[in-house]
Amino acid sequence: YDPIWFGVIMVLVVTMGCITPPVGINVFVVKGIAADVPLFVIFRGIWPFLIAVFLCCIILIIFPQLATFLPRTLAN
């Protein structure tokens, strides 16, 4: 268990939570800025970002060294 790795995973998971329903805070901010765009179009547009963040989570779970490489290098 590494707290840096856990923190990175938590940030990615919270990011996914901020762009997906039912919370979707970021989506509603975009809706407020672009009022003429329907909400379903915005939700349809988040899929590439959601997939990318999900793949990053999977990669970091499989290879936790990727999340801890730079902090360990800078600490030495």
Foldseek 3Di string as FASTA:
>chain_A
DDVQLVVVLVVLVVVLVCCDPPNVVVLVVVCVVVVVDDSVVSNVVCVVVNVVSVVVSVVCVVPVCVRCVVVVVVVD
